[in-house]
Amino acid sequence: MITQIGIASGDILTLIEKKKRPVSISEVEAYLDNEKELTYMSIGWLVREGHVHLVDKGKDKYLCSC
């Protein structure tokens, strides 16, 4: 499971770098096409380690590497 989280986390960072803008949680879910739990564990790991930040934009949450 830890390996899967690491791979998904790398994929999330790749998505953010490609888009060059904050990406919504739903964009991340669609891009990864993984189980929801794995996606959220990966996001949590990235936030905890300081690699990404959660940003509120209206009703939605976005990830950015800012």
PDB file of N, CA and C in Angstrom:
ATOM      1  N   MET A   1       0.825  -1.197   0.000  1.00  0.00           N
ATOM      2  CA  MET A   1       0.000   0.000   0.000  1.00  0.00           C
ATOM      3  C   MET A   1       0.866   1.256   0.000  1.00  0.00           C
ATOM      4  N   ILE A   2       1.953   1.253   0.763  1.00  0.00           N
ATOM      5  CA  ILE A   2       2.820   2.435   0.831  1.00  0.00           C
ATOM      6  C   ILE A   2       3.400   2.757  -0.546  1.00  0.00           C
ATOM      7  N   THR A   3       3.765   1.728  -1.282  1.00  0.00           N
ATOM      8  CA  THR A   3       4.297   1.938  -2.630  1.00  0.00           C
ATOM      9  C   THR A   3       3.245   2.559  -3.532  1.00  0.00           C
ATOM     10  N   GLN A   4       1.999   2.081  -3.434  1.00  0.00           N
ATOM     11  CA  GLN A   4       0.915   2.626  -4.249  1.00  0.00           C
ATOM     12  C   GLN A   4       0.657   4.093  -3.923  1.00  0.00           C
ATOM     13  N   ILE A   5       0.738   4.439  -2.641  1.00  0.00           N
ATOM     14  CA  ILE A   5       0.561   5.835  -2.235  1.00  0.00           C
ATOM     15  C   ILE A   5       1.668   6.692  -2.822  1.00  0.00           C
ATOM     16  N   GLY A   6       2.893   6.197  -2.775  1.00  0.00           N
ATOM     17  CA  GLY A   6       4.026   6.942  -3.340  1.00  0.00           C
ATOM     18  C   GLY A   6       3.890   7.161  -4.834  1.00  0.00           C
ATOM     19  N   ILE A   7       3.457   6.135  -5.556  1.00  0.00           N
ATOM     20  CA  ILE A   7       3.279   6.259  -7.003  1.00  0.00           C
ATOM     21  C   ILE A   7       2.172   7.255  -7.316  1.00  0.00           C
ATOM     22  N   ALA A   8       1.043   7.136  -6.614  1.00  0.00           N
ATOM     23  CA  ALA A   8      -0.074   8.058  -6.848  1.00  0.00           C
ATOM     24  C   ALA A   8       0.320   9.491  -6.489  1.00  0.00           C
ATOM     25  N   SER A   9       1.106   9.658  -5.436  1.00  0.00           N
ATOM     26  CA  SER A   9       1.564  10.997  -5.040  1.00  0.00           C
ATOM     27  C   SER A   9       2.429  11.610  -6.136  1.00  0.00           C
ATOM     28  N   GLY A  10       3.307  10.815  -6.704  1.00  0.00           N
ATOM     29  CA  GLY A  10       4.131  11.297  -7.813  1.00  0.00           C
ATOM     30  C   GLY A  10       3.283  11.682  -9.006  1.00  0.00           C
ATOM     31  N   ASP A  11       2.241  10.902  -9.272  1.00  0.00           N
ATOM     32  CA  ASP A  11       1.340  11.220 -10.377  1.00  0.00           C
ATOM     33  C   ASP A  11       0.599  12.534 -10.134  1.00  0.00           C
ATOM     34  N   ILE A  12       0.225  12.784  -8.889  1.00  0.00           N
ATOM     35  CA  ILE A  12      -0.451  14.043  -8.551  1.00  0.00           C
ATOM     36  C   ILE A  12       0.489  15.224  -8.788  1.00  0.00           C
ATOM     37  N   LEU A  13       1.726  15.093  -8.343  1.00  0.00           N
ATOM     38  CA  LEU A  13       2.701  16.176  -8.561  1.00  0.00           C
ATOM     39  C   LEU A  13       2.924  16.410 -10.047  1.00  0.00           C
ATOM     40  N   THR A  14       2.973  15.342 -10.822  1.00  0.00           N
ATOM     41  CA  THR A  14       3.131  15.463 -12.272  1.00  0.00           C
ATOM     42  C   THR A  14       1.965  16.222 -12.884  1.00  0.00           C
ATOM     43  N   LEU A  15       0.744  15.912 -12.445  1.00  0.00           N
ATOM     44  CA  LEU A  15      -0.435  16.607 -12.949  1.00  0.00           C
ATOM     45  C   LEU A  15      -0.362  18.098 -12.648  1.00  0.00           C
ATOM     46  N   ILE A  16      -0.011  18.445 -11.421  1.00  0.00           N
ATOM     47  CA  ILE A  16       0.075  19.858 -11.037  1.00  0.00           C
ATOM     48  C   ILE A  16       1.136  20.575 -11.874  1.00  0.00           C
ATOM     49  N   GLU A  17       2.274  19.925 -12.093  1.00  0.00           N
ATOM     50  CA  GLU A  17       3.334  20.535 -12.902  1.00  0.00           C
ATOM     51  C   GLU A  17       2.903  20.708 -14.355  1.00  0.00           C
ATOM     52  N   LYS A  18       2.186  19.727 -14.904  1.00  0.00           N
ATOM     53  CA  LYS A  18       1.710  19.818 -16.287  1.00  0.00           C
ATOM     54  C   LYS A  18       0.729  20.967 -16.466  1.00  0.00           C
ATOM     55  N   LYS A  19      -0.219  21.081 -15.530  1.00  0.00           N
ATOM     56  CA  LYS A  19      -1.273  22.093 -15.647  1.00  0.00           C
ATOM     57  C   LYS A  19      -0.762  23.499 -15.361  1.00  0.00           C
ATOM     58  N   LYS A  20       0.289  23.616 -14.547  1.00  0.00           N
ATOM     59  CA  LYS A  20       0.852  24.920 -14.172  1.00  0.00           C
ATOM     60  C   LYS A  20      -0.189  25.835 -13.517  1.00  0.00           C
ATOM     61  N   ARG A  21      -1.091  25.211 -12.792  1.00  0.00           N
ATOM     62  CA  ARG A  21      -2.138  25.936 -12.065  1.00  0.00           C
ATOM     63  C   ARG A  21      -2.667  24.998 -10.984  1.00  0.00           C
ATOM     64  N   PRO A  22      -3.380  25.533 -10.003  1.00  0.00           N
ATOM     65  CA  PRO A  22      -3.999  24.643  -9.021  1.00  0.00           C
ATOM     66  C   PRO A  22      -4.990  23.692  -9.700  1.00  0.00           C
ATOM     67  N   VAL A  23      -5.049  22.467  -9.223  1.00  0.00           N
ATOM     68  CA  VAL A  23      -5.973  21.485  -9.790  1.00  0.00           C
ATOM     69  C   VAL A  23      -6.990  21.072  -8.722  1.00  0.00           C
ATOM     70  N   SER A  24      -8.211  20.852  -9.162  1.00  0.00           N
ATOM     71  CA  SER A  24      -9.264  20.479  -8.221  1.00  0.00           C
ATOM     72  C   SER A  24      -9.119  19.014  -7.822  1.00  0.00           C
ATOM     73  N   ILE A  25      -9.710  18.683  -6.692  1.00  0.00           N
ATOM     74  CA  ILE A  25      -9.695  17.301  -6.218  1.00  0.00           C
ATOM     75  C   ILE A  25     -10.357  16.393  -7.253  1.00  0.00           C
ATOM     76  N   SER A  26     -11.429  16.848  -7.877  1.00  0.00           N
ATOM     77  CA  SER A  26     -12.104  16.021  -8.890  1.00  0.00           C
ATOM     78  C   SER A  26     -11.219  15.794 -10.111  1.00  0.00           C
ATOM     79  N   GLU A  27     -10.403  16.791 -10.484  1.00  0.00           N
ATOM     80  CA  GLU A  27      -9.448  16.599 -11.577  1.00  0.00           C
ATOM     81  C   GLU A  27      -8.424  15.528 -11.213  1.00  0.00           C
ATOM     82  N   VAL A  28      -7.966  15.562  -9.975  1.00  0.00           N
ATOM     83  CA  VAL A  28      -6.994  14.577  -9.508  1.00  0.00           C
ATOM     84  C   VAL A  28      -7.613  13.185  -9.550  1.00  0.00           C
ATOM     85  N   GLU A  29      -8.845  13.063  -9.074  1.00  0.00           N
ATOM     86  CA  GLU A  29      -9.528  11.764  -9.077  1.00  0.00           C
ATOM     87  C   GLU A  29      -9.664  11.210 -10.497  1.00  0.00           C
ATOM     88  N   ALA A  30     -10.046  12.063 -11.432  1.00  0.00           N
ATOM     89  CA  ALA A  30     -10.212  11.626 -12.823  1.00  0.00           C
ATOM     90  C   ALA A  30      -8.871  11.245 -13.446  1.00  0.00           C
ATOM     91  N   TYR A  31      -7.849  12.018 -13.145  1.00  0.00           N
ATOM     92  CA  TYR A  31      -6.516  11.769 -13.710  1.00  0.00           C
ATOM     93  C   TYR A  31      -5.936  10.451 -13.203  1.00  0.00           C
ATOM     94  N   LEU A  32      -6.067  10.192 -11.902  1.00  0.00           N
ATOM     95  CA  LEU A  32      -5.476   8.990 -11.325  1.00  0.00           C
ATOM     96  C   LEU A  32      -6.276   7.736 -11.655  1.00  0.00           C
ATOM     97  N   ASP A  33      -7.597   7.840 -11.645  1.00  0.00           N
ATOM     98  CA  ASP A  33      -8.459   6.693 -11.884  1.00  0.00           C
ATOM     99  C   ASP A  33      -8.122   5.539 -10.932  1.00  0.00           C
ATOM    100  N   ASN A  34      -7.874   5.878  -9.670  1.00  0.00           N
ATOM    101  CA  ASN A  34      -7.606   4.911  -8.607  1.00  0.00           C
ATOM    102  C   ASN A  34      -8.805   4.858  -7.677  1.00  0.00           C
ATOM    103  N   GLU A  35      -8.720   3.978  -6.686  1.00  0.00           N
ATOM    104  CA  GLU A  35      -9.735   3.964  -5.649  1.00  0.00           C
ATOM    105  C   GLU A  35      -9.688   5.312  -4.915  1.00  0.00           C
ATOM    106  N   LYS A  36     -10.840   5.772  -4.517  1.00  0.00           N
ATOM    107  CA  LYS A  36     -10.942   7.077  -3.857  1.00  0.00           C
ATOM    108  C   LYS A  36     -10.062   7.145  -2.602  1.00  0.00           C
ATOM    109  N   GLU A  37     -10.040   6.057  -1.829  1.00  0.00           N
ATOM    110  CA  GLU A  37      -9.249   6.024  -0.597  1.00  0.00           C
ATOM    111  C   GLU A  37      -7.765   6.222  -0.886  1.00  0.00           C
ATOM    112  N   LEU A  38      -7.268   5.579  -1.932  1.00  0.00           N
ATOM    113  CA  LEU A  38      -5.857   5.713  -2.306  1.00  0.00           C
ATOM    114  C   LEU A  38      -5.543   7.146  -2.729  1.00  0.00           C
ATOM    115  N   THR A  39      -6.457   7.743  -3.489  1.00  0.00           N
ATOM    116  CA  THR A  39      -6.275   9.126  -3.923  1.00  0.00           C
ATOM    117  C   THR A  39      -6.183  10.067  -2.725  1.00  0.00           C
ATOM    118  N   TYR A  40      -7.104   9.909  -1.765  1.00  0.00           N
ATOM    119  CA  TYR A  40      -7.114  10.788  -0.602  1.00  0.00           C
ATOM    120  C   TYR A  40      -5.922  10.540   0.322  1.00  0.00           C
ATOM    121  N   MET A  41      -5.477   9.304   0.440  1.00  0.00           N
ATOM    122  CA  MET A  41      -4.275   9.035   1.232  1.00  0.00           C
ATOM    123  C   MET A  41      -3.058   9.699   0.598  1.00  0.00           C
ATOM    124  N   SER A  42      -2.992   9.667  -0.719  1.00  0.00           N
ATOM    125  CA  SER A  42      -1.871  10.293  -1.433  1.00  0.00           C
ATOM    126  C   SER A  42      -1.892  11.806  -1.271  1.00  0.00           C
ATOM    127  N   ILE A  43      -3.065  12.401  -1.389  1.00  0.00           N
ATOM    128  CA  ILE A  43      -3.201  13.845  -1.179  1.00  0.00           C
ATOM    129  C   ILE A  43      -2.799  14.199   0.248  1.00  0.00           C
ATOM    130  N   GLY A  44      -3.277  13.423   1.210  1.00  0.00           N
ATOM    131  CA  GLY A  44      -2.932  13.671   2.613  1.00  0.00           C
ATOM    132  C   GLY A  44      -1.441  13.604   2.862  1.00  0.00           C
ATOM    133  N   TRP A  45      -0.789  12.642   2.253  1.00  0.00           N
ATOM    134  CA  TRP A  45       0.660  12.515   2.424  1.00  0.00           C
ATOM    135  C   TRP A  45       1.370  13.740   1.850  1.00  0.00           C
ATOM    136  N   LEU A  46       0.957  14.164   0.654  1.00  0.00           N
ATOM    137  CA  LEU A  46       1.598  15.323   0.021  1.00  0.00           C
ATOM    138  C   LEU A  46       1.389  16.590   0.842  1.00  0.00           C
ATOM    139  N   VAL A  47       0.201  16.767   1.396  1.00  0.00           N
ATOM    140  CA  VAL A  47      -0.084  17.951   2.223  1.00  0.00           C
ATOM    141  C   VAL A  47       0.734  17.890   3.510  1.00  0.00           C
ATOM    142  N   ARG A  48       0.743  16.735   4.162  1.00  0.00           N
ATOM    143  CA  ARG A  48       1.475  16.590   5.424  1.00  0.00           C
ATOM    144  C   ARG A  48       2.969  16.859   5.237  1.00  0.00           C
ATOM    145  N   GLU A  49       3.522  16.416   4.121  1.00  0.00           N
ATOM    146  CA  GLU A  49       4.947  16.601   3.853  1.00  0.00           C
ATOM    147  C   GLU A  49       5.269  17.991   3.299  1.00  0.00           C
ATOM    148  N   GLY A  50       4.237  18.792   3.014  1.00  0.00           N
ATOM    149  CA  GLY A  50       4.453  20.150   2.535  1.00  0.00           C
ATOM    150  C   GLY A  50       4.742  20.267   1.045  1.00  0.00           C
ATOM    151  N   HIS A  51       4.465  19.211   0.285  1.00  0.00           N
ATOM    152  CA  HIS A  51       4.705  19.242  -1.160  1.00  0.00           C
ATOM    153  C   HIS A  51       3.608  19.987  -1.908  1.00  0.00           C
ATOM    154  N   VAL A  52       2.395  19.965  -1.358  1.00  0.00           N
ATOM    155  CA  VAL A  52       1.272  20.698  -1.945  1.00  0.00           C
ATOM    156  C   VAL A  52       0.491  21.364  -0.826  1.00  0.00           C
ATOM    157  N   HIS A  53      -0.347  22.314  -1.210  1.00  0.00           N
ATOM    158  CA  HIS A  53      -1.215  23.016  -0.273  1.00  0.00           C
ATOM    159  C   HIS A  53      -2.645  22.899  -0.771  1.00  0.00           C
ATOM    160  N   LEU A  54      -3.578  22.825   0.161  1.00  0.00           N
ATOM    161  CA  LEU A  54      -4.995  22.856  -0.181  1.00  0.00           C
ATOM    162  C   LEU A  54      -5.460  24.303  -0.203  1.00  0.00           C
ATOM    163  N   VAL A  55      -6.173  24.665  -1.251  1.00  0.00           N
ATOM    164  CA  VAL A  55      -6.666  26.022  -1.421  1.00  0.00           C
ATOM    165  C   VAL A  55      -8.175  25.955  -1.616  1.00  0.00           C
ATOM    166  N   ASP A  56      -8.913  26.765  -0.868  1.00  0.00           N
ATOM    167  CA  ASP A  56     -10.370  26.845  -1.037  1.00  0.00           C
ATOM    168  C   ASP A  56     -10.693  27.850  -2.125  1.00  0.00           C
ATOM    169  N   LYS A  57     -11.512  27.418  -3.082  1.00  0.00           N
ATOM    170  CA  LYS A  57     -12.025  28.321  -4.116  1.00  0.00           C
ATOM    171  C   LYS A  57     -13.521  28.074  -4.201  1.00  0.00           C
ATOM    172  N   GLY A  58     -14.257  28.892  -3.506  1.00  0.00           N
ATOM    173  CA  GLY A  58     -15.706  28.687  -3.454  1.00  0.00           C
ATOM    174  C   GLY A  58     -16.028  27.407  -2.708  1.00  0.00           C
ATOM    175  N   LYS A  59     -16.784  26.530  -3.339  1.00  0.00           N
ATOM    176  CA  LYS A  59     -17.165  25.267  -2.720  1.00  0.00           C
ATOM    177  C   LYS A  59     -16.118  24.183  -2.924  1.00  0.00           C
ATOM    178  N   ASP A  60     -15.177  24.419  -3.820  1.00  0.00           N
ATOM    179  CA  ASP A  60     -14.213  23.392  -4.197  1.00  0.00           C
ATOM    180  C   ASP A  60     -12.882  23.569  -3.500  1.00  0.00           C
ATOM    181  N   LYS A  61     -12.154  22.473  -3.391  1.00  0.00           N
ATOM    182  CA  LYS A  61     -10.792  22.472  -2.866  1.00  0.00           C
ATOM    183  C   LYS A  61      -9.836  22.190  -4.014  1.00  0.00           C
ATOM    184  N   TYR A  62      -8.730  22.908  -4.020  1.00  0.00           N
ATOM    185  CA  TYR A  62      -7.731  22.744  -5.080  1.00  0.00           C
ATOM    186  C   TYR A  62      -6.373  22.435  -4.431  1.00  0.00           C
ATOM    187  N   LEU A  63      -5.529  21.755  -5.189  1.00  0.00           N
ATOM    188  CA  LEU A  63      -4.167  21.486  -4.780  1.00  0.00           C
ATOM    189  C   LEU A  63      -3.236  22.361  -5.585  1.00  0.00           C
ATOM    190  N   CYS A  64      -2.251  22.927  -4.927  1.00  0.00           N
ATOM    191  CA  CYS A  64      -1.239  23.683  -5.654  1.00  0.00           C
ATOM    192  C   CYS A  64       0.121  23.429  -5.016  1.00  0.00           C
ATOM    193  N   SER A  65       1.138  23.644  -5.796  1.00  0.00           N
ATOM    194  CA  SER A  65       2.500  23.461  -5.280  1.00  0.00           C
ATOM    195  C   SER A  65       3.110  24.813  -4.906  1.00  0.00           C
ATOM    196  N   CYS A  66       2.260  25.804  -4.674  1.00  0.00           N
ATOM    197  CA  CYS A  66       2.717  27.158  -4.346  1.00  0.00           C
ATOM    198  C   CYS A  66       3.222  27.266  -2.930  1.00  0.00           C
TER     199      CYS A  66
END
